[in-house]
Amino acid sequence: MNLHWLIRASRWARNPPSPARVKLVLAIIAICMALFIVEHVLGWPDWLTVNSTPRGRIGF
């Protein structure tokens, strides 16, 4: 761990984030985890998959 991170941690310990900021970060993490779990359980939908085109050709 370098000195920059230790200084940042000491500043954060002296002035912790507000409860609203902590709730916001935890909500974002929860949403990301929920999306990951849904994708892992249900899989990637076919309608979101890009159709491949032959190399060097633009498909219209």
PDB file of N, CA and C in Angstrom:
ATOM      1  N   MET A   1       0.854  -1.168   0.000  1.00  0.00           N
ATOM      2  CA  MET A   1       0.000   0.000   0.000  1.00  0.00           C
ATOM      3  C   MET A   1       0.900   1.231   0.000  1.00  0.00           C
ATOM      4  N   ASN A   2       0.634   2.158  -0.903  1.00  0.00           N
ATOM      5  CA  ASN A   2       1.525   3.307  -0.942  1.00  0.00           C
ATOM      6  C   ASN A   2       0.994   4.446  -0.070  1.00  0.00           C
ATOM      7  N   LEU A   3       1.799   5.462   0.091  1.00  0.00           N
ATOM      8  CA  LEU A   3       1.514   6.559   1.010  1.00  0.00           C
ATOM      9  C   LEU A   3       0.257   7.331   0.605  1.00  0.00           C
ATOM     10  N   HIS A   4       0.014   7.456  -0.682  1.00  0.00           N
ATOM     11  CA  HIS A   4      -1.166   8.191  -1.158  1.00  0.00           C
ATOM     12  C   HIS A   4      -2.453   7.581  -0.605  1.00  0.00           C
ATOM     13  N   TRP A   5      -2.543   6.263  -0.627  1.00  0.00           N
ATOM     14  CA  TRP A   5      -3.756   5.604  -0.128  1.00  0.00           C
ATOM     15  C   TRP A   5      -3.893   5.728   1.378  1.00  0.00           C
ATOM     16  N   LEU A   6      -2.771   5.726   2.102  1.00  0.00           N
ATOM     17  CA  LEU A   6      -2.825   5.908   3.550  1.00  0.00           C
ATOM     18  C   LEU A   6      -3.311   7.310   3.918  1.00  0.00           C
ATOM     19  N   ILE A   7      -2.853   8.308   3.179  1.00  0.00           N
ATOM     20  CA  ILE A   7      -3.309   9.683   3.419  1.00  0.00           C
ATOM     21  C   ILE A   7      -4.793   9.797   3.104  1.00  0.00           C
ATOM     22  N   ARG A   8      -5.229   9.206   2.021  1.00  0.00           N
ATOM     23  CA  ARG A   8      -6.647   9.237   1.657  1.00  0.00           C
ATOM     24  C   ARG A   8      -7.495   8.551   2.733  1.00  0.00           C
ATOM     25  N   ALA A   9      -7.029   7.418   3.237  1.00  0.00           N
ATOM     26  CA  ALA A   9      -7.763   6.696   4.274  1.00  0.00           C
ATOM     27  C   ALA A   9      -7.841   7.509   5.566  1.00  0.00           C
ATOM     28  N   SER A  10      -6.762   8.210   5.915  1.00  0.00           N
ATOM     29  CA  SER A  10      -6.796   9.021   7.138  1.00  0.00           C
ATOM     30  C   SER A  10      -7.756  10.194   6.977  1.00  0.00           C
ATOM     31  N   ARG A  11      -7.792  10.810   5.782  1.00  0.00           N
ATOM     32  CA  ARG A  11      -8.750  11.891   5.539  1.00  0.00           C
ATOM     33  C   ARG A  11     -10.180  11.382   5.611  1.00  0.00           C
ATOM     34  N   TRP A  12     -10.402  10.201   5.066  1.00  0.00           N
ATOM     35  CA  TRP A  12     -11.743   9.612   5.063  1.00  0.00           C
ATOM     36  C   TRP A  12     -12.178   9.256   6.488  1.00  0.00           C
ATOM     37  N   ALA A  13     -11.237   8.817   7.330  1.00  0.00           N
ATOM     38  CA  ALA A  13     -11.560   8.489   8.718  1.00  0.00           C
ATOM     39  C   ALA A  13     -11.913   9.747   9.513  1.00  0.00           C
ATOM     40  N   ARG A  14     -11.271  10.865   9.185  1.00  0.00           N
ATOM     41  CA  ARG A  14     -11.570  12.118   9.888  1.00  0.00           C
ATOM     42  C   ARG A  14     -12.881  12.737   9.423  1.00  0.00           C
ATOM     43  N   ASN A  15     -13.188  12.608   8.147  1.00  0.00           N
ATOM     44  CA  ASN A  15     -14.403  13.191   7.569  1.00  0.00           C
ATOM     45  C   ASN A  15     -15.154  12.110   6.805  1.00  0.00           C
ATOM     46  N   PRO A  16     -15.898  11.245   7.504  1.00  0.00           N
ATOM     47  CA  PRO A  16     -16.586  10.160   6.819  1.00  0.00           C
ATOM     48  C   PRO A  16     -17.704  10.689   5.912  1.00  0.00           C
ATOM     49  N   PRO A  17     -18.079   9.905   4.892  1.00  0.00           N
ATOM     50  CA  PRO A  17     -19.144  10.347   3.993  1.00  0.00           C
ATOM     51  C   PRO A  17     -20.483  10.391   4.730  1.00  0.00           C
ATOM     52  N   SER A  18     -21.394  11.174   4.179  1.00  0.00           N
ATOM     53  CA  SER A  18     -22.711  11.306   4.798  1.00  0.00           C
ATOM     54  C   SER A  18     -23.497  10.001   4.644  1.00  0.00           C
ATOM     55  N   PRO A  19     -24.482   9.778   5.505  1.00  0.00           N
ATOM     56  CA  PRO A  19     -25.302   8.564   5.390  1.00  0.00           C
ATOM     57  C   PRO A  19     -26.016   8.464   4.034  1.00  0.00           C
ATOM     58  N   ALA A  20     -26.379   9.602   3.461  1.00  0.00           N
ATOM     59  CA  ALA A  20     -27.034   9.588   2.146  1.00  0.00           C
ATOM     60  C   ALA A  20     -26.077   9.070   1.066  1.00  0.00           C
ATOM     61  N   ARG A  21     -24.809   9.464   1.134  1.00  0.00           N
ATOM     62  CA  ARG A  21     -23.820   9.018   0.152  1.00  0.00           C
ATOM     63  C   ARG A  21     -23.573   7.519   0.294  1.00  0.00           C
ATOM     64  N   VAL A  22     -23.510   7.041   1.546  1.00  0.00           N
ATOM     65  CA  VAL A  22     -23.308   5.610   1.793  1.00  0.00           C
ATOM     66  C   VAL A  22     -24.484   4.812   1.233  1.00  0.00           C
ATOM     67  N   LYS A  23     -25.714   5.300   1.458  1.00  0.00           N
ATOM     68  CA  LYS A  23     -26.900   4.627   0.926  1.00  0.00           C
ATOM     69  C   LYS A  23     -26.890   4.609  -0.593  1.00  0.00           C
ATOM     70  N   LEU A  24     -26.466   5.716  -1.212  1.00  0.00           N
ATOM     71  CA  LEU A  24     -26.391   5.785  -2.670  1.00  0.00           C
ATOM     72  C   LEU A  24     -25.414   4.753  -3.224  1.00  0.00           C
ATOM     73  N   VAL A  25     -24.240   4.673  -2.630  1.00  0.00           N
ATOM     74  CA  VAL A  25     -23.226   3.713  -3.092  1.00  0.00           C
ATOM     75  C   VAL A  25     -23.714   2.281  -2.897  1.00  0.00           C
ATOM     76  N   LEU A  26     -24.318   2.004  -1.764  1.00  0.00           N
ATOM     77  CA  LEU A  26     -24.832   0.650  -1.519  1.00  0.00           C
ATOM     78  C   LEU A  26     -25.973   0.302  -2.472  1.00  0.00           C
ATOM     79  N   ALA A  27     -26.810   1.276  -2.811  1.00  0.00           N
ATOM     80  CA  ALA A  27     -27.891   1.036  -3.773  1.00  0.00           C
ATOM     81  C   ALA A  27     -27.339   0.731  -5.152  1.00  0.00           C
ATOM     82  N   ILE A  28     -26.315   1.451  -5.573  1.00  0.00           N
ATOM     83  CA  ILE A  28     -25.699   1.199  -6.883  1.00  0.00           C
ATOM     84  C   ILE A  28     -25.068  -0.182  -6.912  1.00  0.00           C
ATOM     85  N   ILE A  29     -24.382  -0.560  -5.846  1.00  0.00           N
ATOM     86  CA  ILE A  29     -23.775  -1.892  -5.783  1.00  0.00           C
ATOM     87  C   ILE A  29     -24.853  -2.969  -5.818  1.00  0.00           C
ATOM     88  N   ALA A  30     -25.969  -2.756  -5.110  1.00  0.00           N
ATOM     89  CA  ALA A  30     -27.060  -3.734  -5.099  1.00  0.00           C
ATOM     90  C   ALA A  30     -27.695  -3.883  -6.483  1.00  0.00           C
ATOM     91  N   ILE A  31     -27.871  -2.774  -7.192  1.00  0.00           N
ATOM     92  CA  ILE A  31     -28.434  -2.832  -8.546  1.00  0.00           C
ATOM     93  C   ILE A  31     -27.507  -3.599  -9.479  1.00  0.00           C
ATOM     94  N   CYS A  32     -26.224  -3.331  -9.389  1.00  0.00           N
ATOM     95  CA  CYS A  32     -25.258  -4.048 -10.235  1.00  0.00           C
ATOM     96  C   CYS A  32     -25.250  -5.541  -9.937  1.00  0.00           C
ATOM     97  N   MET A  33     -25.301  -5.894  -8.659  1.00  0.00           N
ATOM     98  CA  MET A  33     -25.328  -7.310  -8.296  1.00  0.00           C
ATOM     99  C   MET A  33     -26.615  -7.975  -8.768  1.00  0.00           C
ATOM    100  N   ALA A  34     -27.744  -7.264  -8.672  1.00  0.00           N
ATOM    101  CA  ALA A  34     -29.017  -7.821  -9.140  1.00  0.00           C
ATOM    102  C   ALA A  34     -28.986  -8.055 -10.650  1.00  0.00           C
ATOM    103  N   LEU A  35     -28.440  -7.108 -11.401  1.00  0.00           N
ATOM    104  CA  LEU A  35     -28.329  -7.286 -12.857  1.00  0.00           C
ATOM    105  C   LEU A  35     -27.423  -8.463 -13.198  1.00  0.00           C
ATOM    106  N   PHE A  36     -26.324  -8.606 -12.473  1.00  0.00           N
ATOM    107  CA  PHE A  36     -25.416  -9.716 -12.714  1.00  0.00           C
ATOM    108  C   PHE A  36     -26.103 -11.049 -12.435  1.00  0.00           C
ATOM    109  N   ILE A  37     -26.840 -11.126 -11.332  1.00  0.00           N
ATOM    110  CA  ILE A  37     -27.522 -12.376 -10.973  1.00  0.00           C
ATOM    111  C   ILE A  37     -28.604 -12.709 -11.994  1.00  0.00           C
ATOM    112  N   VAL A  38     -29.376 -11.714 -12.415  1.00  0.00           N
ATOM    113  CA  VAL A  38     -30.424 -11.953 -13.416  1.00  0.00           C
ATOM    114  C   VAL A  38     -29.806 -12.431 -14.715  1.00  0.00           C
ATOM    115  N   GLU A  39     -28.706 -11.796 -15.140  1.00  0.00           N
ATOM    116  CA  GLU A  39     -28.055 -12.224 -16.373  1.00  0.00           C
ATOM    117  C   GLU A  39     -27.481 -13.630 -16.225  1.00  0.00           C
ATOM    118  N   HIS A  40     -26.940 -13.937 -15.075  1.00  0.00           N
ATOM    119  CA  HIS A  40     -26.346 -15.257 -14.858  1.00  0.00           C
ATOM    120  C   HIS A  40     -27.415 -16.353 -14.822  1.00  0.00           C
ATOM    121  N   VAL A  41     -28.554 -16.072 -14.204  1.00  0.00           N
ATOM    122  CA  VAL A  41     -29.621 -17.068 -14.070  1.00  0.00           C
ATOM    123  C   VAL A  41     -30.406 -17.218 -15.366  1.00  0.00           C
ATOM    124  N   LEU A  42     -30.810 -16.105 -15.956  1.00  0.00           N
ATOM    125  CA  LEU A  42     -31.664 -16.149 -17.144  1.00  0.00           C
ATOM    126  C   LEU A  42     -30.882 -16.169 -18.451  1.00  0.00           C
ATOM    127  N   GLY A  43     -29.656 -15.725 -18.435  1.00  0.00           N
ATOM    128  CA  GLY A  43     -28.859 -15.684 -19.655  1.00  0.00           C
ATOM    129  C   GLY A  43     -29.049 -14.379 -20.407  1.00  0.00           C
ATOM    130  N   TRP A  44     -28.277 -14.216 -21.459  1.00  0.00           N
ATOM    131  CA  TRP A  44     -28.335 -13.023 -22.288  1.00  0.00           C
ATOM    132  C   TRP A  44     -29.453 -13.193 -23.305  1.00  0.00           C
ATOM    133  N   PRO A  45     -30.370 -12.229 -23.434  1.00  0.00           N
ATOM    134  CA  PRO A  45     -31.479 -12.384 -24.379  1.00  0.00           C
ATOM    135  C   PRO A  45     -30.995 -12.360 -25.831  1.00  0.00           C
ATOM    136  N   ASP A  46     -31.631 -13.157 -26.662  1.00  0.00           N
ATOM    137  CA  ASP A  46     -31.236 -13.225 -28.070  1.00  0.00           C
ATOM    138  C   ASP A  46     -31.438 -11.910 -28.793  1.00  0.00           C
ATOM    139  N   TRP A  47     -32.457 -11.143 -28.406  1.00  0.00           N
ATOM    140  CA  TRP A  47     -32.719  -9.900 -29.103  1.00  0.00           C
ATOM    141  C   TRP A  47     -31.674  -8.831 -28.820  1.00  0.00           C
ATOM    142  N   LEU A  48     -30.816  -9.036 -27.826  1.00  0.00           N
ATOM    143  CA  LEU A  48     -29.736  -8.096 -27.555  1.00  0.00           C
ATOM    144  C   LEU A  48     -28.417  -8.515 -28.201  1.00  0.00           C
ATOM    145  N   THR A  49     -28.388  -9.693 -28.805  1.00  0.00           N
ATOM    146  CA  THR A  49     -27.171 -10.180 -29.436  1.00  0.00           C
ATOM    147  C   THR A  49     -27.060  -9.611 -30.841  1.00  0.00           C
ATOM    148  N   VAL A  50     -25.891  -9.097 -31.181  1.00  0.00           N
ATOM    149  CA  VAL A  50     -25.660  -8.530 -32.503  1.00  0.00           C
ATOM    150  C   VAL A  50     -25.440  -9.659 -33.494  1.00  0.00           C
ATOM    151  N   ASN A  51     -26.110  -9.580 -34.640  1.00  0.00           N
ATOM    152  CA  ASN A  51     -25.907 -10.575 -35.684  1.00  0.00           C
ATOM    153  C   ASN A  51     -24.548 -10.345 -36.323  1.00  0.00           C
ATOM    154  N   SER A  52     -23.793 -11.395 -36.498  1.00  0.00           N
ATOM    155  CA  SER A  52     -22.474 -11.243 -37.096  1.00  0.00           C
ATOM    156  C   SER A  52     -22.598 -11.130 -38.609  1.00  0.00           C
ATOM    157  N   THR A  53     -21.736 -10.317 -39.183  1.00  0.00           N
ATOM    158  CA  THR A  53     -21.699 -10.153 -40.625  1.00  0.00           C
ATOM    159  C   THR A  53     -20.370 -10.699 -41.138  1.00  0.00           C
ATOM    160  N   PRO A  54     -20.311 -11.084 -42.407  1.00  0.00           N
ATOM    161  CA  PRO A  54     -19.044 -11.559 -42.941  1.00  0.00           C
ATOM    162  C   PRO A  54     -17.976 -10.471 -42.832  1.00  0.00           C
ATOM    163  N   ARG A  55     -16.745 -10.900 -42.676  1.00  0.00           N
ATOM    164  CA  ARG A  55     -15.657  -9.962 -42.488  1.00  0.00           C
ATOM    165  C   ARG A  55     -15.449  -9.102 -43.724  1.00  0.00           C
ATOM    166  N   GLY A  56     -15.303  -7.792 -43.527  1.00  0.00           N
ATOM    167  CA  GLY A  56     -15.039  -6.884 -44.637  1.00  0.00           C
ATOM    168  C   GLY A  56     -16.299  -6.442 -45.356  1.00  0.00           C
ATOM    169  N   ARG A  57     -17.459  -6.831 -44.874  1.00  0.00           N
ATOM    170  CA  ARG A  57     -18.699  -6.472 -45.542  1.00  0.00           C
ATOM    171  C   ARG A  57     -19.645  -5.821 -44.529  1.00  0.00           C
ATOM    172  N   ILE A  58     -20.301  -4.774 -44.949  1.00  0.00           N
ATOM    173  CA  ILE A  58     -21.271  -4.127 -44.064  1.00  0.00           C
ATOM    174  C   ILE A  58     -22.646  -4.677 -44.397  1.00  0.00           C
ATOM    175  N   GLY A  59     -23.323  -5.203 -43.396  1.00  0.00           N
ATOM    176  CA  GLY A  59     -24.634  -5.798 -43.625  1.00  0.00           C
ATOM    177  C   GLY A  59     -25.759  -4.805 -43.402  1.00  0.00           C
ATOM    178  N   PHE A  60     -26.620  -4.654 -44.404  1.00  0.00           N
ATOM    179  CA  PHE A  60     -27.788  -3.786 -44.267  1.00  0.00           C
ATOM    180  C   PHE A  60     -29.037  -4.583 -44.455  1.00  0.00           C
TER     181      PHE A  60
END
